[in-house]
Amino acid sequence: MVLEKEIPRFLEWIGGAALQWCVVLGVLVALGLFFGLLVSIIRRGPLRGIASLFGVVWSAVADVCLMSPRRISALAWLAVKESIRKKVVVAVGIFIFVLMLAGWFLDPASEDPGRLY
């Protein structure tokens, strides 16, 4: 496989990628707030709709600021224990094993990667 351009180093592209991610996130949040405001105004009227939206946003910001790392780690540990109990780890292990065996049957030197996979 011939590369047309050299692969950039991590520190060269992460700044632009992080900026683009922040812009996309900001646009999505703005769209979500706009549609939430629109629905709230339609259902409750202009003043109560705006007040309701600001109340929900204030509550969400307060919840995010008051999150405890200890509680988050406890929830993550419970999720791991539950996945072990439900045998999800076995399914992931089988999937990884199948992917490792797939290398024997796939030809990476193929000219048509779409047909390859």
PDB file of N, CA and C in Angstrom:
ATOM      1  N   MET A   1       0.851  -1.177   0.000  1.00  0.00           N
ATOM      2  CA  MET A   1       0.000   0.000   0.000  1.00  0.00           C
ATOM      3  C   MET A   1       0.897   1.240   0.000  1.00  0.00           C
ATOM      4  N   VAL A   2       0.634   2.162  -0.880  1.00  0.00           N
ATOM      5  CA  VAL A   2       1.428   3.374  -1.017  1.00  0.00           C
ATOM      6  C   VAL A   2       0.706   4.509  -0.302  1.00  0.00           C
ATOM      7  N   LEU A   3       1.447   5.217   0.563  1.00  0.00           N
ATOM      8  CA  LEU A   3       0.882   6.367   1.261  1.00  0.00           C
ATOM      9  C   LEU A   3       1.135   7.622   0.430  1.00  0.00           C
ATOM     10  N   GLU A   4       0.088   8.384   0.169  1.00  0.00           N
ATOM     11  CA  GLU A   4       0.239   9.618  -0.596  1.00  0.00           C
ATOM     12  C   GLU A   4       0.856  10.721   0.248  1.00  0.00           C
ATOM     13  N   LYS A   5       0.494  10.736   1.534  1.00  0.00           N
ATOM     14  CA  LYS A   5       1.055  11.711   2.463  1.00  0.00           C
ATOM     15  C   LYS A   5       1.609  10.958   3.668  1.00  0.00           C
ATOM     16  N   GLU A   6       2.598  11.532   4.277  1.00  0.00           N
ATOM     17  CA  GLU A   6       3.159  10.917   5.480  1.00  0.00           C
ATOM     18  C   GLU A   6       2.171  11.079   6.640  1.00  0.00           C
ATOM     19  N   ILE A   7       2.108  10.088   7.485  1.00  0.00           N
ATOM     20  CA  ILE A   7       1.196  10.135   8.641  1.00  0.00           C
ATOM     21  C   ILE A   7       1.745  11.154   9.637  1.00  0.00           C
ATOM     22  N   PRO A   8       0.933  12.153  10.028  1.00  0.00           N
ATOM     23  CA  PRO A   8       1.438  13.177  10.954  1.00  0.00           C
ATOM     24  C   PRO A   8       1.624  12.613  12.363  1.00  0.00           C
ATOM     25  N   ARG A   9       2.519  13.233  13.100  1.00  0.00           N
ATOM     26  CA  ARG A   9       2.743  12.835  14.483  1.00  0.00           C
ATOM     27  C   ARG A   9       1.537  13.254  15.331  1.00  0.00           C
ATOM     28  N   PHE A  10       1.406  12.599  16.475  1.00  0.00           N
ATOM     29  CA  PHE A  10       0.238  12.819  17.336  1.00  0.00           C
ATOM     30  C   PHE A  10       0.109  14.280  17.744  1.00  0.00           C
ATOM     31  N   LEU A  11       1.189  14.890  18.191  1.00  0.00           N
ATOM     32  CA  LEU A  11       1.123  16.268  18.690  1.00  0.00           C
ATOM     33  C   LEU A  11       0.867  17.284  17.581  1.00  0.00           C
ATOM     34  N   GLU A  12       1.066  16.893  16.319  1.00  0.00           N
ATOM     35  CA  GLU A  12       0.816  17.813  15.215  1.00  0.00           C
ATOM     36  C   GLU A  12      -0.665  17.964  14.906  1.00  0.00           C
ATOM     37  N   TRP A  13      -1.439  16.901  15.071  1.00  0.00           N
ATOM     38  CA  TRP A  13      -2.848  16.972  14.692  1.00  0.00           C
ATOM     39  C   TRP A  13      -3.798  17.044  15.871  1.00  0.00           C
ATOM     40  N   ILE A  14      -3.332  16.772  17.084  1.00  0.00           N
ATOM     41  CA  ILE A  14      -4.267  16.724  18.216  1.00  0.00           C
ATOM     42  C   ILE A  14      -4.845  18.102  18.532  1.00  0.00           C
ATOM     43  N   GLY A  15      -4.079  19.166  18.323  1.00  0.00           N
ATOM     44  CA  GLY A  15      -4.599  20.507  18.602  1.00  0.00           C
ATOM     45  C   GLY A  15      -5.777  20.861  17.713  1.00  0.00           C
ATOM     46  N   GLY A  16      -5.623  20.648  16.418  1.00  0.00           N
ATOM     47  CA  GLY A  16      -6.708  20.923  15.483  1.00  0.00           C
ATOM     48  C   GLY A  16      -7.897  20.007  15.694  1.00  0.00           C
ATOM     49  N   ALA A  17      -7.614  18.744  16.012  1.00  0.00           N
ATOM     50  CA  ALA A  17      -8.699  17.791  16.235  1.00  0.00           C
ATOM     51  C   ALA A  17      -9.473  18.149  17.498  1.00  0.00           C
ATOM     52  N   ALA A  18      -8.773  18.563  18.551  1.00  0.00           N
ATOM     53  CA  ALA A  18      -9.445  18.951  19.794  1.00  0.00           C
ATOM     54  C   ALA A  18     -10.295  20.200  19.580  1.00  0.00           C
ATOM     55  N   LEU A  19      -9.781  21.138  18.805  1.00  0.00           N
ATOM     56  CA  LEU A  19     -10.551  22.352  18.509  1.00  0.00           C
ATOM     57  C   LEU A  19     -11.806  22.011  17.710  1.00  0.00           C
ATOM     58  N   GLN A  20     -11.663  21.146  16.717  1.00  0.00           N
ATOM     59  CA  GLN A  20     -12.817  20.749  15.916  1.00  0.00           C
ATOM     60  C   GLN A  20     -13.839  20.007  16.781  1.00  0.00           C
ATOM     61  N   TRP A  21     -13.366  19.160  17.693  1.00  0.00           N
ATOM     62  CA  TRP A  21     -14.269  18.441  18.591  1.00  0.00           C
ATOM     63  C   TRP A  21     -15.044  19.430  19.466  1.00  0.00           C
ATOM     64  N   CYS A  22     -14.362  20.439  19.991  1.00  0.00           N
ATOM     65  CA  CYS A  22     -15.031  21.438  20.833  1.00  0.00           C
ATOM     66  C   CYS A  22     -16.077  22.222  20.036  1.00  0.00           C
ATOM     67  N   VAL A  23     -15.764  22.558  18.796  1.00  0.00           N
ATOM     68  CA  VAL A  23     -16.722  23.289  17.967  1.00  0.00           C
ATOM     69  C   VAL A  23     -17.954  22.432  17.692  1.00  0.00           C
ATOM     70  N   VAL A  24     -17.749  21.172  17.329  1.00  0.00           N
ATOM     71  CA  VAL A  24     -18.878  20.285  17.053  1.00  0.00           C
ATOM     72  C   VAL A  24     -19.705  20.079  18.314  1.00  0.00           C
ATOM     73  N   LEU A  25     -19.049  19.883  19.448  1.00  0.00           N
ATOM     74  CA  LEU A  25     -19.773  19.722  20.707  1.00  0.00           C
ATOM     75  C   LEU A  25     -20.588  20.971  21.029  1.00  0.00           C
ATOM     76  N   GLY A  26     -20.005  22.148  20.844  1.00  0.00           N
ATOM     77  CA  GLY A  26     -20.723  23.386  21.100  1.00  0.00           C
ATOM     78  C   GLY A  26     -21.942  23.554  20.208  1.00  0.00           C
ATOM     79  N   VAL A  27     -21.787  23.197  18.929  1.00  0.00           N
ATOM     80  CA  VAL A  27     -22.919  23.298  18.002  1.00  0.00           C
ATOM     81  C   VAL A  27     -24.026  22.329  18.405  1.00  0.00           C
ATOM     82  N   LEU A  28     -23.655  21.098  18.775  1.00  0.00           N
ATOM     83  CA  LEU A  28     -24.663  20.121  19.188  1.00  0.00           C
ATOM     84  C   LEU A  28     -25.385  20.544  20.468  1.00  0.00           C
ATOM     85  N   VAL A  29     -24.648  21.093  21.418  1.00  0.00           N
ATOM     86  CA  VAL A  29     -25.278  21.583  22.652  1.00  0.00           C
ATOM     87  C   VAL A  29     -26.211  22.745  22.339  1.00  0.00           C
ATOM     88  N   ALA A  30     -25.775  23.658  21.476  1.00  0.00           N
ATOM     89  CA  ALA A  30     -26.627  24.799  21.116  1.00  0.00           C
ATOM     90  C   ALA A  30     -27.902  24.324  20.414  1.00  0.00           C
ATOM     91  N   LEU A  31     -27.772  23.365  19.497  1.00  0.00           N
ATOM     92  CA  LEU A  31     -28.957  22.833  18.828  1.00  0.00           C
ATOM     93  C   LEU A  31     -29.888  22.132  19.809  1.00  0.00           C
ATOM     94  N   GLY A  32     -29.318  21.372  20.730  1.00  0.00           N
ATOM     95  CA  GLY A  32     -30.141  20.699  21.732  1.00  0.00           C
ATOM     96  C   GLY A  32     -30.879  21.686  22.614  1.00  0.00           C
ATOM     97  N   LEU A  33     -30.193  22.738  23.037  1.00  0.00           N
ATOM     98  CA  LEU A  33     -30.849  23.760  23.854  1.00  0.00           C
ATOM     99  C   LEU A  33     -31.926  24.495  23.067  1.00  0.00           C
ATOM    100  N   PHE A  34     -31.658  24.779  21.797  1.00  0.00           N
ATOM    101  CA  PHE A  34     -32.648  25.463  20.972  1.00  0.00           C
ATOM    102  C   PHE A  34     -33.912  24.628  20.818  1.00  0.00           C
ATOM    103  N   PHE A  35     -33.748  23.341  20.475  1.00  0.00           N
ATOM    104  CA  PHE A  35     -34.926  22.496  20.301  1.00  0.00           C
ATOM    105  C   PHE A  35     -35.634  22.247  21.628  1.00  0.00           C
ATOM    106  N   GLY A  36     -34.854  22.149  22.711  1.00  0.00           N
ATOM    107  CA  GLY A  36     -35.477  22.021  24.027  1.00  0.00           C
ATOM    108  C   GLY A  36     -36.288  23.254  24.387  1.00  0.00           C
ATOM    109  N   LEU A  37     -35.743  24.420  24.077  1.00  0.00           N
ATOM    110  CA  LEU A  37     -36.468  25.670  24.322  1.00  0.00           C
ATOM    111  C   LEU A  37     -37.722  25.744  23.466  1.00  0.00           C
ATOM    112  N   LEU A  38     -37.612  25.354  22.219  1.00  0.00           N
ATOM    113  CA  LEU A  38     -38.759  25.377  21.319  1.00  0.00           C
ATOM    114  C   LEU A  38     -39.881  24.467  21.830  1.00  0.00           C
ATOM    115  N   VAL A  39     -39.545  23.257  22.221  1.00  0.00           N
ATOM    116  CA  VAL A  39     -40.555  22.331  22.740  1.00  0.00           C
ATOM    117  C   VAL A  39     -41.137  22.844  24.044  1.00  0.00           C
ATOM    118  N   SER A  40     -40.283  23.384  24.906  1.00  0.00           N
ATOM    119  CA  SER A  40     -40.757  23.907  26.190  1.00  0.00           C
ATOM    120  C   SER A  40     -41.696  25.095  25.997  1.00  0.00           C
ATOM    121  N   ILE A  41     -41.380  25.963  25.048  1.00  0.00           N
ATOM    122  CA  ILE A  41     -42.257  27.110  24.779  1.00  0.00           C
ATOM    123  C   ILE A  41     -43.586  26.641  24.206  1.00  0.00           C
ATOM    124  N   ILE A  42     -43.556  25.654  23.320  1.00  0.00           N
ATOM    125  CA  ILE A  42     -44.804  25.147  22.734  1.00  0.00           C
ATOM    126  C   ILE A  42     -45.680  24.504  23.808  1.00  0.00           C
ATOM    127  N   ARG A  43     -45.082  23.768  24.734  1.00  0.00           N
ATOM    128  CA  ARG A  43     -45.869  23.039  25.731  1.00  0.00           C
ATOM    129  C   ARG A  43     -46.323  23.906  26.901  1.00  0.00           C
ATOM    130  N   ARG A  44     -45.489  24.890  27.310  1.00  0.00           N
ATOM    131  CA  ARG A  44     -45.802  25.635  28.532  1.00  0.00           C
ATOM    132  C   ARG A  44     -46.037  27.122  28.321  1.00  0.00           C
ATOM    133  N   GLY A  45     -45.755  27.624  27.160  1.00  0.00           N
ATOM    134  CA  GLY A  45     -45.858  29.059  26.937  1.00  0.00           C
ATOM    135  C   GLY A  45     -44.489  29.697  27.042  1.00  0.00           C
ATOM    136  N   PRO A  46     -44.366  30.958  26.588  1.00  0.00           N
ATOM    137  CA  PRO A  46     -43.045  31.580  26.500  1.00  0.00           C
ATOM    138  C   PRO A  46     -42.329  31.743  27.835  1.00  0.00           C
ATOM    139  N   LEU A  47     -42.973  32.348  28.825  1.00  0.00           N
ATOM    140  CA  LEU A  47     -42.272  32.630  30.082  1.00  0.00           C
ATOM    141  C   LEU A  47     -41.996  31.370  30.889  1.00  0.00           C
ATOM    142  N   ARG A  48     -42.997  30.525  31.047  1.00  0.00           N
ATOM    143  CA  ARG A  48     -42.798  29.291  31.813  1.00  0.00           C
ATOM    144  C   ARG A  48     -41.869  28.328  31.078  1.00  0.00           C
ATOM    145  N   GLY A  49     -41.888  28.359  29.746  1.00  0.00           N
ATOM    146  CA  GLY A  49     -40.995  27.501  28.964  1.00  0.00           C
ATOM    147  C   GLY A  49     -39.541  27.870  29.151  1.00  0.00           C
ATOM    148  N   ILE A  50     -39.258  29.175  29.086  1.00  0.00           N
ATOM    149  CA  ILE A  50     -37.881  29.646  29.284  1.00  0.00           C
ATOM    150  C   ILE A  50     -37.427  29.362  30.712  1.00  0.00           C
ATOM    151  N   ALA A  51     -38.292  29.621  31.680  1.00  0.00           N
ATOM    152  CA  ALA A  51     -37.943  29.364  33.077  1.00  0.00           C
ATOM    153  C   ALA A  51     -37.702  27.874  33.302  1.00  0.00           C
ATOM    154  N   SER A  52     -38.506  27.038  32.690  1.00  0.00           N
ATOM    155  CA  SER A  52     -38.344  25.595  32.826  1.00  0.00           C
ATOM    156  C   SER A  52     -37.017  25.132  32.225  1.00  0.00           C
ATOM    157  N   LEU A  53     -36.686  25.645  31.052  1.00  0.00           N
ATOM    158  CA  LEU A  53     -35.420  25.258  30.422  1.00  0.00           C
ATOM    159  C   LEU A  53     -34.226  25.697  31.270  1.00  0.00           C
ATOM    160  N   PHE A  54     -34.244  26.924  31.772  1.00  0.00           N
ATOM    161  CA  PHE A  54     -33.133  27.381  32.606  1.00  0.00           C
ATOM    162  C   PHE A  54     -33.040  26.585  33.902  1.00  0.00           C
ATOM    163  N   GLY A  55     -34.178  26.176  34.452  1.00  0.00           N
ATOM    164  CA  GLY A  55     -34.159  25.336  35.646  1.00  0.00           C
ATOM    165  C   GLY A  55     -33.518  23.985  35.381  1.00  0.00           C
ATOM    166  N   VAL A  56     -33.841  23.389  34.245  1.00  0.00           N
ATOM    167  CA  VAL A  56     -33.257  22.097  33.885  1.00  0.00           C
ATOM    168  C   VAL A  56     -31.759  22.238  33.619  1.00  0.00           C
ATOM    169  N   VAL A  57     -31.363  23.292  32.912  1.00  0.00           N
ATOM    170  CA  VAL A  57     -29.939  23.498  32.629  1.00  0.00           C
ATOM    171  C   VAL A  57     -29.176  23.749  33.923  1.00  0.00           C
ATOM    172  N   TRP A  58     -29.731  24.546  34.823  1.00  0.00           N
ATOM    173  CA  TRP A  58     -29.070  24.819  36.096  1.00  0.00           C
ATOM    174  C   TRP A  58     -28.919  23.540  36.913  1.00  0.00           C
ATOM    175  N   SER A  59     -29.948  22.717  36.925  1.00  0.00           N
ATOM    176  CA  SER A  59     -29.890  21.446  37.650  1.00  0.00           C
ATOM    177  C   SER A  59     -28.833  20.523  37.050  1.00  0.00           C
ATOM    178  N   ALA A  60     -28.727  20.487  35.720  1.00  0.00           N
ATOM    179  CA  ALA A  60     -27.735  19.635  35.064  1.00  0.00           C
ATOM    180  C   ALA A  60     -26.319  20.105  35.374  1.00  0.00           C
ATOM    181  N   VAL A  61     -26.096  21.418  35.344  1.00  0.00           N
ATOM    182  CA  VAL A  61     -24.765  21.946  35.655  1.00  0.00           C
ATOM    183  C   VAL A  61     -24.409  21.640  37.106  1.00  0.00           C
ATOM    184  N   ALA A  62     -25.365  21.795  38.007  1.00  0.00           N
ATOM    185  CA  ALA A  62     -25.105  21.487  39.413  1.00  0.00           C
ATOM    186  C   ALA A  62     -24.792  20.003  39.603  1.00  0.00           C
ATOM    187  N   ASP A  63     -25.503  19.130  38.903  1.00  0.00           N
ATOM    188  CA  ASP A  63     -25.230  17.696  39.008  1.00  0.00           C
ATOM    189  C   ASP A  63     -23.835  17.348  38.504  1.00  0.00           C
ATOM    190  N   VAL A  64     -23.424  17.964  37.397  1.00  0.00           N
ATOM    191  CA  VAL A  64     -22.094  17.687  36.854  1.00  0.00           C
ATOM    192  C   VAL A  64     -21.011  18.198  37.807  1.00  0.00           C
ATOM    193  N   CYS A  65     -21.226  19.368  38.387  1.00  0.00           N
ATOM    194  CA  CYS A  65     -20.217  19.933  39.288  1.00  0.00           C
ATOM    195  C   CYS A  65     -20.118  19.167  40.611  1.00  0.00           C
ATOM    196  N   LEU A  66     -21.187  18.534  41.031  1.00  0.00           N
ATOM    197  CA  LEU A  66     -21.186  17.836  42.312  1.00  0.00           C
ATOM    198  C   LEU A  66     -20.905  16.336  42.185  1.00  0.00           C
ATOM    199  N   MET A  67     -20.483  15.874  40.996  1.00  0.00           N
ATOM    200  CA  MET A  67     -20.172  14.459  40.832  1.00  0.00           C
ATOM    201  C   MET A  67     -18.943  14.095  41.657  1.00  0.00           C
ATOM    202  N   SER A  68     -19.012  12.974  42.312  1.00  0.00           N
ATOM    203  CA  SER A  68     -17.908  12.501  43.131  1.00  0.00           C
ATOM    204  C   SER A  68     -17.127  11.420  42.378  1.00  0.00           C
ATOM    205  N   PRO A  69     -15.811  11.549  42.297  1.00  0.00           N
ATOM    206  CA  PRO A  69     -15.025  10.502  41.647  1.00  0.00           C
ATOM    207  C   PRO A  69     -15.189   9.141  42.336  1.00  0.00           C
ATOM    208  N   ARG A  70     -15.408   9.159  43.620  1.00  0.00           N
ATOM    209  CA  ARG A  70     -15.594   7.909  44.356  1.00  0.00           C
ATOM    210  C   ARG A  70     -16.893   7.214  43.924  1.00  0.00           C
ATOM    211  N   ARG A  71     -17.958   7.979  43.751  1.00  0.00           N
ATOM    212  CA  ARG A  71     -19.218   7.383  43.295  1.00  0.00           C
ATOM    213  C   ARG A  71     -19.108   6.879  41.862  1.00  0.00           C
ATOM    214  N   ILE A  72     -18.426   7.639  41.014  1.00  0.00           N
ATOM    215  CA  ILE A  72     -18.260   7.222  39.624  1.00  0.00           C
ATOM    216  C   ILE A  72     -17.468   5.923  39.556  1.00  0.00           C
ATOM    217  N   SER A  73     -16.395   5.828  40.347  1.00  0.00           N
ATOM    218  CA  SER A  73     -15.606   4.593  40.340  1.00  0.00           C
ATOM    219  C   SER A  73     -16.413   3.428  40.906  1.00  0.00           C
ATOM    220  N   ALA A  74     -17.265   3.682  41.891  1.00  0.00           N
ATOM    221  CA  ALA A  74     -18.109   2.619  42.432  1.00  0.00           C
ATOM    222  C   ALA A  74     -19.100   2.125  41.381  1.00  0.00           C
ATOM    223  N   LEU A  75     -19.690   3.041  40.627  1.00  0.00           N
ATOM    224  CA  LEU A  75     -20.605   2.631  39.557  1.00  0.00           C
ATOM    225  C   LEU A  75     -19.881   1.868  38.455  1.00  0.00           C
ATOM    226  N   ALA A  76     -18.658   2.305  38.130  1.00  0.00           N
ATOM    227  CA  ALA A  76     -17.880   1.596  37.112  1.00  0.00           C
ATOM    228  C   ALA A  76     -17.540   0.187  37.590  1.00  0.00           C
ATOM    229  N   TRP A  77     -17.179   0.049  38.861  1.00  0.00           N
ATOM    230  CA  TRP A  77     -16.859  -1.276  39.406  1.00  0.00           C
ATOM    231  C   TRP A  77     -18.103  -2.165  39.403  1.00  0.00           C
ATOM    232  N   LEU A  78     -19.254  -1.621  39.723  1.00  0.00           N
ATOM    233  CA  LEU A  78     -20.491  -2.404  39.668  1.00  0.00           C
ATOM    234  C   LEU A  78     -20.810  -2.843  38.238  1.00  0.00           C
ATOM    235  N   ALA A  79     -20.526  -1.983  37.264  1.00  0.00           N
ATOM    236  CA  ALA A  79     -20.760  -2.356  35.866  1.00  0.00           C
ATOM    237  C   ALA A  79     -19.836  -3.495  35.448  1.00  0.00           C
ATOM    238  N   VAL A  80     -18.580  -3.455  35.896  1.00  0.00           N
ATOM    239  CA  VAL A  80     -17.646  -4.540  35.585  1.00  0.00           C
ATOM    240  C   VAL A  80     -18.106  -5.836  36.225  1.00  0.00           C
ATOM    241  N   LYS A  81     -18.518  -5.773  37.484  1.00  0.00           N
ATOM    242  CA  LYS A  81     -18.989  -6.979  38.167  1.00  0.00           C
ATOM    243  C   LYS A  81     -20.228  -7.555  37.486  1.00  0.00           C
ATOM    244  N   GLU A  82     -21.124  -6.687  37.056  1.00  0.00           N
ATOM    245  CA  GLU A  82     -22.335  -7.146  36.373  1.00  0.00           C
ATOM    246  C   GLU A  82     -21.999  -7.789  35.030  1.00  0.00           C
ATOM    247  N   SER A  83     -21.039  -7.208  34.299  1.00  0.00           N
ATOM    248  CA  SER A  83     -20.659  -7.808  33.018  1.00  0.00           C
ATOM    249  C   SER A  83     -19.994  -9.162  33.215  1.00  0.00           C
ATOM    250  N   ILE A  84     -19.243  -9.311  34.281  1.00  0.00           N
ATOM    251  CA  ILE A  84     -18.654 -10.619  34.577  1.00  0.00           C
ATOM    252  C   ILE A  84     -19.749 -11.605  34.941  1.00  0.00           C
ATOM    253  N   ARG A  85     -20.715 -11.192  35.721  1.00  0.00           N
ATOM    254  CA  ARG A  85     -21.803 -12.075  36.127  1.00  0.00           C
ATOM    255  C   ARG A  85     -22.642 -12.514  34.932  1.00  0.00           C
ATOM    256  N   LYS A  86     -22.818 -11.613  33.961  1.00  0.00           N
ATOM    257  CA  LYS A  86     -23.637 -11.948  32.791  1.00  0.00           C
ATOM    258  C   LYS A  86     -22.817 -12.556  31.657  1.00  0.00           C
ATOM    259  N   LYS A  87     -21.572 -12.907  31.932  1.00  0.00           N
ATOM    260  CA  LYS A  87     -20.693 -13.591  30.979  1.00  0.00           C
ATOM    261  C   LYS A  87     -20.380 -12.746  29.741  1.00  0.00           C
ATOM    262  N   VAL A  88     -20.404 -11.433  29.874  1.00  0.00           N
ATOM    263  CA  VAL A  88     -20.050 -10.562  28.759  1.00  0.00           C
ATOM    264  C   VAL A  88     -18.563 -10.683  28.462  1.00  0.00           C
ATOM    265  N   VAL A  89     -17.767 -10.912  29.489  1.00  0.00           N
ATOM    266  CA  VAL A  89     -16.321 -11.036  29.318  1.00  0.00           C
ATOM    267  C   VAL A  89     -16.006 -12.235  28.427  1.00  0.00           C
ATOM    268  N   VAL A  90     -16.760 -13.319  28.580  1.00  0.00           N
ATOM    269  CA  VAL A  90     -16.548 -14.503  27.746  1.00  0.00           C
ATOM    270  C   VAL A  90     -16.847 -14.171  26.288  1.00  0.00           C
ATOM    271  N   ALA A  91     -17.927 -13.456  26.036  1.00  0.00           N
ATOM    272  CA  ALA A  91     -18.279 -13.085  24.661  1.00  0.00           C
ATOM    273  C   ALA A  91     -17.209 -12.179  24.056  1.00  0.00           C
ATOM    274  N   VAL A  92     -16.691 -11.233  24.816  1.00  0.00           N
ATOM    275  CA  VAL A  92     -15.642 -10.352  24.312  1.00  0.00           C
ATOM    276  C   VAL A  92     -14.378 -11.161  24.033  1.00  0.00           C
ATOM    277  N   GLY A  93     -14.054 -12.107  24.909  1.00  0.00           N
ATOM    278  CA  GLY A  93     -12.891 -12.962  24.687  1.00  0.00           C
ATOM    279  C   GLY A  93     -13.022 -13.790  23.422  1.00  0.00           C
ATOM    280  N   ILE A  94     -14.197 -14.351  23.184  1.00  0.00           N
ATOM    281  CA  ILE A  94     -14.424 -15.127  21.959  1.00  0.00           C
ATOM    282  C   ILE A  94     -14.302 -14.232  20.734  1.00  0.00           C
ATOM    283  N   PHE A  95     -14.826 -13.014  20.814  1.00  0.00           N
ATOM    284  CA  PHE A  95     -14.737 -12.071  19.699  1.00  0.00           C
ATOM    285  C   PHE A  95     -13.277 -11.729  19.401  1.00  0.00           C
ATOM    286  N   ILE A  96     -12.480 -11.486  20.424  1.00  0.00           N
ATOM    287  CA  ILE A  96     -11.061 -11.178  20.230  1.00  0.00           C
ATOM    288  C   ILE A  96     -10.339 -12.368  19.621  1.00  0.00           C
ATOM    289  N   PHE A  97     -10.677 -13.582  20.078  1.00  0.00           N
ATOM    290  CA  PHE A  97     -10.077 -14.793  19.533  1.00  0.00           C
ATOM    291  C   PHE A  97     -10.399 -14.941  18.048  1.00  0.00           C
ATOM    292  N   VAL A  98     -11.641 -14.687  17.660  1.00  0.00           N
ATOM    293  CA  VAL A  98     -12.032 -14.773  16.247  1.00  0.00           C
ATOM    294  C   VAL A  98     -11.285 -13.725  15.421  1.00  0.00           C
ATOM    295  N   LEU A  99     -11.118 -12.519  15.955  1.00  0.00           N
ATOM    296  CA  LEU A  99     -10.367 -11.486  15.236  1.00  0.00           C
ATOM    297  C   LEU A  99      -8.906 -11.877  15.061  1.00  0.00           C
ATOM    298  N   MET A 100      -8.328 -12.540  16.066  1.00  0.00           N
ATOM    299  CA  MET A 100      -6.946 -12.987  15.937  1.00  0.00           C
ATOM    300  C   MET A 100      -6.822 -14.060  14.853  1.00  0.00           C
ATOM    301  N   LEU A 101      -7.790 -14.949  14.769  1.00  0.00           N
ATOM    302  CA  LEU A 101      -7.758 -15.983  13.747  1.00  0.00           C
ATOM    303  C   LEU A 101      -8.046 -15.428  12.358  1.00  0.00           C
ATOM    304  N   ALA A 102      -8.724 -14.309  12.270  1.00  0.00           N
ATOM    305  CA  ALA A 102      -9.076 -13.734  10.971  1.00  0.00           C
ATOM    306  C   ALA A 102      -7.835 -13.320  10.196  1.00  0.00           C
ATOM    307  N   GLY A 103      -6.771 -13.013  10.868  1.00  0.00           N
ATOM    308  CA  GLY A 103      -5.531 -12.641  10.199  1.00  0.00           C
ATOM    309  C   GLY A 103      -4.980 -13.748   9.331  1.00  0.00           C
ATOM    310  N   TRP A 104      -5.271 -14.982   9.645  1.00  0.00           N
ATOM    311  CA  TRP A 104      -4.808 -16.103   8.830  1.00  0.00           C
ATOM    312  C   TRP A 104      -5.528 -16.153   7.492  1.00  0.00           C
ATOM    313  N   PHE A 105      -6.773 -15.719   7.468  1.00  0.00           N
ATOM    314  CA  PHE A 105      -7.598 -15.883   6.283  1.00  0.00           C
ATOM    315  C   PHE A 105      -7.689 -14.637   5.422  1.00  0.00           C
ATOM    316  N   LEU A 106      -7.277 -13.498   5.935  1.00  0.00           N
ATOM    317  CA  LEU A 106      -7.346 -12.252   5.172  1.00  0.00           C
ATOM    318  C   LEU A 106      -5.982 -11.950   4.558  1.00  0.00           C
ATOM    319  N   ASP A 107      -5.984 -11.401   3.376  1.00  0.00           N
ATOM    320  CA  ASP A 107      -4.747 -11.083   2.672  1.00  0.00           C
ATOM    321  C   ASP A 107      -4.520  -9.573   2.715  1.00  0.00           C
ATOM    322  N   PRO A 108      -3.627  -9.097   3.568  1.00  0.00           N
ATOM    323  CA  PRO A 108      -3.416  -7.650   3.656  1.00  0.00           C
ATOM    324  C   PRO A 108      -2.719  -7.060   2.433  1.00  0.00           C
ATOM    325  N   ALA A 109      -2.136  -7.882   1.566  1.00  0.00           N
ATOM    326  CA  ALA A 109      -1.466  -7.377   0.377  1.00  0.00           C
ATOM    327  C   ALA A 109      -2.448  -7.189  -0.783  1.00  0.00           C
ATOM    328  N   SER A 110      -3.720  -7.383  -0.551  1.00  0.00           N
ATOM    329  CA  SER A 110      -4.728  -7.259  -1.596  1.00  0.00           C
ATOM    330  C   SER A 110      -4.832  -5.825  -2.087  1.00  0.00           C
ATOM    331  N   GLU A 111      -5.140  -5.667  -3.372  1.00  0.00           N
ATOM    332  CA  GLU A 111      -5.294  -4.338  -3.957  1.00  0.00           C
ATOM    333  C   GLU A 111      -6.675  -3.736  -3.668  1.00  0.00           C
ATOM    334  N   ASP A 112      -7.642  -4.568  -3.335  1.00  0.00           N
ATOM    335  CA  ASP A 112      -9.002  -4.101  -3.109  1.00  0.00           C
ATOM    336  C   ASP A 112      -9.378  -4.331  -1.647  1.00  0.00           C
ATOM    337  N   PRO A 113      -9.156  -3.333  -0.764  1.00  0.00           N
ATOM    338  CA  PRO A 113      -9.447  -3.546   0.652  1.00  0.00           C
ATOM    339  C   PRO A 113     -10.928  -3.703   0.949  1.00  0.00           C
ATOM    340  N   GLY A 114     -11.803  -3.165   0.095  1.00  0.00           N
ATOM    341  CA  GLY A 114     -13.241  -3.345   0.306  1.00  0.00           C
ATOM    342  C   GLY A 114     -13.629  -4.802   0.179  1.00  0.00           C
ATOM    343  N   ARG A 115     -13.060  -5.482  -0.779  1.00  0.00           N
ATOM    344  CA  ARG A 115     -13.335  -6.898  -0.968  1.00  0.00           C
ATOM    345  C   ARG A 115     -12.663  -7.723   0.128  1.00  0.00           C
ATOM    346  N   LEU A 116     -11.546  -7.219   0.647  1.00  0.00           N
ATOM    347  CA  LEU A 116     -10.791  -7.919   1.674  1.00  0.00           C
ATOM    348  C   LEU A 116     -11.617  -8.095   2.930  1.00  0.00           C
ATOM    349  N   TYR A 117     -12.312  -7.030   3.342  1.00  0.00           N
ATOM    350  CA  TYR A 117     -13.051  -7.090   4.609  1.00  0.00           C
ATOM    351  C   TYR A 117     -14.510  -7.325   4.373  1.00  0.00           C
TER     352      TYR A 117
END
